[in-house]
Structure formats: structure tokens, C-alpha cells
Protein backbone atom coordinates (compact mmCIF):
# COMPACT_ATOMS: atom_id res chain seq x y z
CA MET A 1 -13.43 -6.93 -5.60
CA ALA A 2 -14.99 -10.21 -6.72
CA GLU A 3 -18.71 -9.88 -7.43
CA ARG A 4 -20.93 -12.83 -6.57
CA GLY A 5 -24.58 -13.50 -7.16
CA LYS A 6 -27.32 -11.54 -5.39
CA GLY A 7 -25.16 -8.50 -4.67
CA LEU A 8 -22.46 -10.33 -2.72
CA ALA A 9 -18.92 -9.03 -3.15
CA ILE A 10 -15.75 -10.51 -1.67
CA ARG A 11 -12.73 -8.29 -1.16
CA SER A 12 -9.42 -8.20 0.68
CA PHE A 13 -8.88 -6.61 4.08
CA ARG A 14 -8.51 -2.83 4.38
CA GLU A 15 -7.44 -0.93 7.47
CA GLY A 16 -10.59 -0.02 9.35
CA ASP A 17 -12.26 -3.42 8.74
CA GLU A 18 -11.20 -4.55 12.22
CA GLU A 19 -14.37 -3.17 13.82
CA ALA A 20 -16.67 -5.23 11.58
CA ILE A 21 -14.49 -8.33 11.94
CA ALA A 22 -14.39 -8.08 15.76
CA GLY A 23 -18.18 -7.73 15.82
CA LEU A 24 -18.63 -10.85 13.67
CA PHE A 25 -16.09 -12.78 15.73
CA ASN A 26 -17.78 -11.88 19.02
CA ARG A 27 -21.31 -12.69 17.79
CA TYR A 28 -20.05 -16.05 16.48
CA ALA A 29 -18.07 -16.97 19.62
CA GLU A 30 -21.01 -16.09 21.85
CA GLY A 31 -22.92 -19.06 20.47
CA PHE A 32 -20.13 -21.45 21.49
CA SER A 33 -18.48 -20.02 24.57
CA GLY A 34 -20.50 -17.06 25.81
CA ALA A 35 -19.48 -13.45 25.53
CA ALA A 36 -16.10 -12.92 23.90
CA SER A 37 -13.82 -10.00 24.50
CA VAL A 38 -12.11 -9.55 21.15
CA THR A 39 -11.72 -5.90 20.28
CA ALA A 40 -10.88 -4.43 16.91
CA GLU A 41 -7.42 -3.64 18.25
CA SER A 42 -6.76 -7.07 19.78
CA TRP A 43 -7.92 -8.92 16.65
CA ARG A 44 -5.72 -6.73 14.43
CA GLU A 45 -2.71 -7.16 16.71
CA GLU A 46 -3.12 -10.95 16.59
CA VAL A 47 -2.66 -10.96 12.81
CA ARG A 48 -0.07 -8.21 12.52
CA GLU A 49 2.89 -10.56 12.06
CA GLN A 50 3.23 -14.19 11.01
CA SER A 51 3.24 -16.53 14.00
CA TRP A 52 2.89 -20.24 14.57
CA ASN A 53 -0.90 -19.87 14.64
CA ALA A 54 -1.72 -16.79 12.58
CA PRO A 55 -0.96 -15.30 9.18
CA SER A 56 0.50 -11.83 8.74
CA LEU A 57 -2.10 -9.35 7.58
CA ASP A 58 0.61 -6.70 7.24
CA ALA A 59 2.42 -8.88 4.68
CA ASP A 60 -0.64 -10.34 2.94
CA ARG A 61 -3.95 -8.42 2.82
CA ASP A 62 -5.51 -11.35 0.96
CA CYS A 63 -5.34 -13.62 4.01
CA ALA A 64 -8.45 -11.85 5.33
CA ARG A 65 -11.31 -11.74 2.85
CA LEU A 66 -14.57 -9.98 3.62
CA ALA A 67 -17.98 -10.67 2.15
CA GLU A 68 -20.12 -7.57 1.65
CA ARG A 69 -23.72 -7.11 0.64
CA ALA A 70 -25.03 -3.58 -0.03
CA GLY A 71 -21.83 -2.15 1.47
CA LYS A 72 -22.23 -4.02 4.78
CA VAL A 73 -19.73 -6.69 5.90
CA VAL A 74 -21.72 -9.91 6.40
CA GLY A 75 -18.88 -12.39 6.79
CA TYR A 76 -15.16 -12.97 6.59
CA ALA A 77 -12.58 -15.72 6.31
CA LEU A 78 -9.03 -15.68 7.64
CA THR A 79 -6.73 -18.04 5.75
CA ASP A 80 -3.04 -18.69 6.41
CA TYR A 81 -1.38 -19.28 3.04
CA GLN A 82 2.09 -19.69 4.60
CA PRO A 83 1.49 -21.96 7.62
CA TYR A 84 4.48 -23.29 9.52
CA GLU A 85 5.21 -26.96 8.90
CA LEU A 86 2.60 -27.19 6.09
CA ARG A 87 4.11 -25.47 3.05
CA HIS A 88 1.81 -27.42 0.70
CA ALA A 89 -1.40 -26.30 2.41
CA ALA A 90 -3.50 -23.27 3.25
CA LEU A 91 -5.40 -23.18 6.54
CA VAL A 92 -8.81 -21.53 6.88
CA GLN A 93 -8.66 -20.49 10.54
CA GLU A 94 -11.70 -18.25 10.89
CA LEU A 95 -14.93 -18.34 8.89
CA PHE A 96 -17.69 -16.26 10.39
CA VAL A 97 -20.92 -15.20 8.73
CA ASP A 98 -23.62 -13.08 10.32
CA ASP A 99 -27.15 -14.42 10.57
CA VAL A 100 -28.21 -12.92 7.27
CA GLU A 101 -30.35 -14.13 4.43
CA GLU A 102 -28.47 -16.81 2.50
CA ALA A 103 -25.73 -17.11 5.13
CA GLU A 104 -24.88 -20.62 3.88
CA GLU A 105 -24.18 -19.23 0.41
CA VAL A 106 -21.95 -16.52 1.90
CA ALA A 107 -19.94 -19.15 3.80
CA ALA A 108 -19.63 -21.28 0.66
CA ALA A 109 -18.50 -18.26 -1.39
CA LEU A 110 -15.80 -17.45 1.19
CA LEU A 111 -14.53 -21.06 1.10
CA GLU A 112 -14.57 -21.05 -2.70
CA ASP A 113 -12.58 -17.82 -2.63
CA ALA A 114 -10.00 -19.38 -0.25
CA GLU A 115 -9.67 -22.38 -2.59
CA LYS A 116 -9.14 -20.12 -5.60
CA ARG A 117 -6.45 -18.11 -3.82
CA ALA A 118 -4.73 -21.27 -2.58
CA ARG A 119 -4.63 -22.70 -6.11
CA ALA A 120 -3.11 -19.45 -7.39
CA ARG A 121 -0.37 -19.89 -4.77
CA ASP A 122 0.32 -23.51 -5.83
CA LYS A 123 -1.05 -25.04 -2.64
CA GLU A 124 -2.05 -28.69 -2.72
CA CYS A 125 -4.87 -28.47 -0.25
CA VAL A 126 -6.97 -26.19 1.89
CA MET A 127 -7.60 -27.33 5.44
CA LEU A 128 -10.32 -26.10 7.76
CA LEU A 129 -9.23 -25.42 11.32
CA LEU A 130 -12.76 -24.66 12.42
CA SER A 131 -15.00 -26.11 15.06
CA PRO A 132 -16.74 -29.31 13.93
CA GLU A 133 -19.68 -27.93 15.92
CA ASP A 134 -20.03 -25.05 13.48
CA GLY A 135 -22.83 -26.41 11.34
CA ARG A 136 -22.72 -23.57 8.83
CA ALA A 137 -19.01 -24.05 8.07
CA GLN A 138 -19.43 -27.83 7.96
CA ARG A 139 -22.34 -27.63 5.53
CA ALA A 140 -20.46 -25.16 3.32
CA ALA A 141 -17.45 -27.48 3.21
CA GLU A 142 -19.57 -30.57 2.58
CA ALA A 143 -21.36 -28.82 -0.29
CA SER A 144 -18.11 -28.88 -2.25
CA SER A 145 -17.08 -32.24 -3.64
CA LEU A 146 -13.44 -31.21 -3.13
CA TRP A 147 -13.63 -31.25 0.68
CA GLU A 148 -13.17 -34.37 2.73
CA GLU A 149 -13.00 -34.88 6.46
CA SER A 150 -9.72 -35.93 8.05
CA ASP A 151 -8.83 -37.13 11.52
CA GLY A 152 -5.19 -36.24 10.94
CA ILE A 153 -4.55 -33.11 12.99
CA GLY A 154 -6.64 -33.20 16.14
CA VAL A 155 -6.59 -30.47 18.76
CA PHE A 156 -3.28 -28.89 19.68
CA MET A 157 -4.53 -26.55 22.40
CA ALA A 158 -7.85 -25.82 24.00
CA THR A 159 -9.18 -23.68 26.79
CA ILE A 160 -11.69 -25.34 29.05
CA LEU A 161 -14.28 -22.75 29.98
CA ASP A 162 -16.63 -24.95 32.01
CA LEU A 163 -14.76 -27.79 33.73
CA VAL A 164 -17.88 -29.45 35.14
CA ALA A 165 -19.58 -29.57 31.74
CA PHE A 166 -16.35 -30.75 30.10
CA LEU A 167 -15.94 -33.62 32.56
CA LYS A 168 -19.57 -34.67 32.07
CA GLU A 169 -19.04 -34.59 28.28
CA ILE A 170 -15.97 -36.85 28.32
CA GLU A 171 -17.52 -39.16 30.91
């Protein structure tokens, strides 16, 4: 377990962490798309085996890293270190931090941890596949001089939850 300043520790996934992760995921998603229905079981099943859009947690416990303070999970990052088509890169796919004191520092520590693990695996870059509307993740990435924004990938798939609002937005 990596100890950080102010009692923050970052560690790899352990069975049973799904409940805390699902809670963080749902609280985060609520701010963007309303109530989410991810359960501990559905989140864990999604990352059981490697797929085109998810790492395998069964094969690599380090792809999910949890930030804890005083024994409570306050954030996590899910990073695919073996993404299809991008063997030189690691992809941070989920980065969620609870609304806790120093949440920005927790997000930055999780990104720093992902960078460190990617370097140890001889990756050339770490890419963020996170919402550009997520101010906390954006600020954490921008705080590091190693991160730069790219227009290269775009959106592969999206679910439109409010068609009227979407059409007004693109108008």
C-alpha cells in the first residue's frame, strides 16, 4: 500500500471493494446523467475479463487502485494497461473521488499512481478516457506538466439520455 501525505493510502483492488466502488461510481454519475444503476455485482462483472473496453481485474488487480483515508475508500481509478489496438499506452477509464476534503489532491495522487504503474510496464503514454466535463479530473490532469490535451480519439459510442436537450446543445 502506497502511503501519501495527510493519511492518504493508495492500494490495489481486493475482493469486497466492489461495494465502495459502485457507490462512488453512482454518486459521480448522478452529477452527469442522473441516478445510475451500477451495482457492486454489475461493476465487478464488467471488469472480470479483458474486453475491447475494459481491463481484466481477475488477471491484474493493479488495474483498479483505491485511495483510502482513515480506512475509508474516498476514490478509485480504473486503468487498462493492456488496451486493444494501443499496446504503447495505458488508458485511465474511470477516476472517481468522493466529495471529501482535498478531493483534488486525491484525484492527482490516483493519476500519479497510474503514471507510475504505466512507466513500470514500459508504456509510452497514459491517456484519459474521461468526460471533459469532469472538472476535477481535468484539473488533476492539467496540474501535471506531463499531460496534454489531444483531439485524436473522439467519441466511439455514446448513449443519449435526453434527446431534446442533446438536440438543443448541438443546434
